[in-house]
Amino acid sequence: MPRINLLPWREAERKRRQRDFGVALAGGAVSAIGVVLLTMFAFSQMISNQEARNQRLTNEIAELQKSITEIDGLERQKERLLARMEIIEQLQESRPEIVHLFDEVARQMPEGVYLTGLKQTGARVEVRGVAQSSTRVSALMRQIDSSDWMSDPEVDRVETTQSGNSRQAEFVVYLRQESQGSDDEEMLP
């Protein structure tokens, strides 16, 4: 005999499918939420790792900046010391020249000429003094011109003044000190 199912099987099948769909939908939603949470956790870990690296780099950069400023300070100090050493070397080299200059000034000074001041700026020397007459100043200039250690005399001023019963000439003469470097080097042991 044929069996006829009079029960509403379609309705039961629809309910079963809706239930299966609801379970699948809930499972998908839970899976999606899980994937989103795992992705957020992974990105959060990556961000915190990168921030830790950035902080480490920032700290290292700060230490390197301190080192750079220390090195710059040391380089400036080194440059100052080298400049001082160079000045000392120049002074050591020019030390015999000033002795020769004073010796030569004393030798070339004509009678009747007296110095009141001597000032040196580099190789230029300013000679101030008093002479019995302006012809004595001319004699001083000729003596300077014939000297090996002095050259290029030029008169800045000669003023004749009355001092008691006598007249005297106050003068300012500029000259150039000549360097005799090869003679000094030969004299060194």
Protein backbone atom coordinates (compact mmCIF):
# COMPACT_ATOMS: atom_id res chain seq x y z
CA MET A 1 0.00 0.00 0.00
CA PRO A 2 1.14 3.40 -0.73
CA ARG A 3 2.05 5.59 2.09
CA ILE A 4 1.00 9.10 2.09
CA ASN A 5 2.64 11.47 4.45
CA LEU A 6 0.10 13.95 5.53
CA LEU A 7 2.37 15.68 7.98
CA PRO A 8 3.56 19.14 6.99
CA TRP A 9 7.06 17.99 6.08
CA ARG A 10 7.79 21.04 4.03
CA GLU A 11 7.21 23.20 6.99
CA ALA A 12 9.46 21.03 9.13
CA GLU A 13 12.11 21.09 6.40
CA ARG A 14 11.87 24.88 6.21
CA LYS A 15 12.25 25.17 9.99
CA ARG A 16 15.22 22.83 9.89
CA ARG A 17 16.82 24.84 7.10
CA GLN A 18 16.13 28.12 8.93
CA ARG A 19 17.67 26.63 12.07
CA ASP A 20 20.69 25.38 10.11
CA PHE A 21 20.95 28.79 8.43
CA GLY A 22 20.76 30.55 11.83
CA VAL A 23 23.44 28.25 13.23
CA ALA A 24 25.63 28.78 10.16
CA LEU A 25 25.02 32.55 10.34
CA ALA A 26 25.87 32.64 14.05
CA GLY A 27 28.94 30.49 13.39
CA GLY A 28 30.00 32.80 10.56
CA ALA A 29 29.43 35.87 12.72
CA VAL A 30 31.42 34.33 15.58
CA SER A 31 34.14 33.32 13.11
CA ALA A 32 34.20 36.83 11.58
CA ILE A 33 34.36 38.43 15.03
CA GLY A 34 37.16 36.00 15.93
CA VAL A 35 39.07 36.82 12.75
CA VAL A 36 38.60 40.56 13.35
CA LEU A 37 39.75 40.22 16.97
CA LEU A 38 42.76 38.12 15.96
CA THR A 39 43.64 40.63 13.22
CA MET A 40 43.30 43.53 15.66
CA PHE A 41 45.46 41.67 18.19
CA ALA A 42 48.09 40.94 15.52
CA PHE A 43 48.13 44.57 14.34
CA SER A 44 48.22 45.75 17.95
CA GLN A 45 51.25 43.54 18.57
CA MET A 46 52.92 44.82 15.38
CA ILE A 47 52.23 48.44 16.37
CA SER A 48 53.57 47.96 19.89
CA ASN A 49 56.68 46.22 18.50
CA GLN A 50 57.23 49.10 16.06
CA GLU A 51 56.72 51.66 18.83
CA ALA A 52 59.28 49.82 20.95
CA ARG A 53 61.73 49.90 18.02
CA ASN A 54 61.02 53.61 17.45
CA GLN A 55 61.62 54.34 21.14
CA ARG A 56 64.89 52.42 21.04
CA LEU A 57 65.96 54.34 17.93
CA THR A 58 65.01 57.62 19.61
CA ASN A 59 67.12 56.71 22.63
CA GLU A 60 70.06 55.71 20.43
CA ILE A 61 69.76 58.93 18.43
CA ALA A 62 69.80 60.95 21.66
CA GLU A 63 72.96 59.12 22.80
CA LEU A 64 74.56 59.71 19.40
CA GLN A 65 73.65 63.40 19.56
CA LYS A 66 75.39 63.61 22.94
CA SER A 67 78.42 61.87 21.46
CA ILE A 68 78.41 64.23 18.48
CA THR A 69 78.31 67.30 20.72
CA GLU A 70 81.18 65.87 22.79
CA ILE A 71 83.16 65.20 19.61
CA ASP A 72 82.44 68.73 18.34
CA GLY A 73 83.63 70.13 21.65
CA LEU A 74 86.79 68.06 21.44
CA GLU A 75 87.39 69.18 17.85
CA ARG A 76 86.99 72.84 18.83
CA GLN A 77 89.37 72.30 21.73
CA LYS A 78 91.81 70.57 19.38
CA GLU A 79 91.61 73.50 16.93
CA ARG A 80 92.23 75.98 19.76
CA LEU A 81 95.22 73.95 20.95
CA LEU A 82 96.59 73.72 17.42
CA ALA A 83 96.18 77.47 16.99
CA ARG A 84 97.99 78.04 20.27
CA MET A 85 100.75 75.67 19.22
CA GLU A 86 101.08 77.52 15.91
CA ILE A 87 101.31 80.86 17.71
CA ILE A 88 103.92 79.45 20.08
CA GLU A 89 105.91 78.11 17.11
CA GLN A 90 105.74 81.52 15.42
CA LEU A 91 106.88 83.19 18.62
CA GLN A 92 109.72 80.69 18.96
CA GLU A 93 110.76 81.34 15.37
CA SER A 94 110.57 85.13 15.76
CA ARG A 95 112.36 85.21 19.10
CA PRO A 96 115.85 85.76 17.63
CA GLU A 97 114.47 88.35 15.18
CA ILE A 98 113.40 90.74 17.95
CA VAL A 99 116.87 90.52 19.46
CA HIS A 100 118.38 91.36 16.07
CA LEU A 101 115.89 94.22 15.67
CA PHE A 102 116.80 95.82 19.02
CA ASP A 103 120.48 95.30 18.33
CA GLU A 104 120.18 96.84 14.88
CA VAL A 105 118.13 99.80 16.17
CA ALA A 106 120.81 100.49 18.76
CA ARG A 107 123.60 100.23 16.14
CA GLN A 108 121.90 102.38 13.51
CA MET A 109 120.86 105.16 15.91
CA PRO A 110 122.82 108.30 14.96
CA GLU A 111 124.22 110.59 17.61
CA GLY A 112 121.70 113.15 18.86
CA VAL A 113 118.65 110.92 18.30
CA TYR A 114 116.79 109.47 21.29
CA LEU A 115 113.91 107.01 21.20
CA THR A 116 110.78 107.52 23.28
CA GLY A 117 108.80 104.58 21.96
CA LEU A 118 109.02 101.49 19.79
CA LYS A 119 105.93 99.54 18.72
CA GLN A 120 105.83 96.49 16.45
CA THR A 121 102.73 95.21 14.63
CA GLY A 122 103.66 92.19 12.57
CA ALA A 123 106.68 93.19 10.50
CA ARG A 124 105.88 96.92 10.69
CA VAL A 125 107.68 98.87 13.42
CA GLU A 126 106.74 102.33 14.65
CA VAL A 127 109.69 104.33 16.03
CA ARG A 128 108.98 107.45 18.09
CA GLY A 129 111.69 109.72 19.35
CA VAL A 130 113.34 113.08 19.73
CA ALA A 131 116.26 114.35 17.63
CA GLN A 132 118.42 117.45 18.00
CA SER A 133 117.41 118.44 14.46
CA SER A 134 115.44 117.17 11.49
CA THR A 135 118.71 116.37 9.68
CA ARG A 136 119.40 113.78 12.38
CA VAL A 137 116.05 112.16 11.51
CA SER A 138 117.20 112.06 7.87
CA ALA A 139 120.43 110.41 8.98
CA LEU A 140 118.39 107.83 10.95
CA MET A 141 116.36 107.04 7.82
CA ARG A 142 119.51 106.57 5.72
CA GLN A 143 120.95 104.26 8.40
CA ILE A 144 117.72 102.22 8.46
CA ASP A 145 117.74 101.97 4.66
CA SER A 146 121.28 100.58 4.67
CA SER A 147 120.52 98.01 7.39
CA ASP A 148 120.11 94.27 6.71
CA TRP A 149 117.42 93.85 9.39
CA MET A 150 115.34 96.96 8.65
CA SER A 151 113.99 98.48 5.43
CA ASP A 152 111.42 100.82 3.87
CA PRO A 153 111.66 103.78 6.29
CA GLU A 154 108.89 106.31 5.96
CA VAL A 155 108.35 109.44 7.99
CA ASP A 156 104.91 109.94 9.47
CA ARG A 157 105.68 113.29 11.04
CA VAL A 158 108.53 115.51 12.21
CA GLU A 159 107.62 118.45 14.47
CA THR A 160 110.13 120.99 15.64
CA THR A 161 109.44 122.11 19.20
CA GLN A 162 111.09 124.57 21.54
CA SER A 163 112.47 122.98 24.72
CA GLY A 164 114.04 125.61 26.92
CA ASN A 165 116.88 127.31 24.99
CA SER A 166 117.18 124.58 22.36
CA ARG A 167 114.99 123.34 19.58
CA GLN A 168 114.32 119.68 19.06
CA ALA A 169 112.49 117.59 16.47
CA GLU A 170 109.92 115.05 17.64
CA PHE A 171 109.41 112.35 15.01
CA VAL A 172 107.47 109.22 14.13
CA VAL A 173 109.10 106.88 11.61
CA TYR A 174 107.70 103.59 10.30
CA LEU A 175 109.94 100.81 9.04
CA ARG A 176 109.68 97.17 8.09
CA GLN A 177 111.58 94.43 9.89
CA GLU A 178 113.36 92.10 7.49
CA SER A 179 113.46 88.40 8.27
CA GLN A 180 116.80 86.65 7.94
CA GLY A 181 115.39 83.09 8.34
CA SER A 182 118.16 81.23 6.49
CA ASP A 183 120.88 82.76 8.69
CA ASP A 184 119.06 81.70 11.86
CA GLU A 185 118.58 78.15 10.60
CA GLU A 186 122.27 77.83 9.83
CA MET A 187 123.16 78.99 13.35
CA LEU A 188 120.94 76.33 15.02
CA PRO A 189 122.71 73.07 15.95
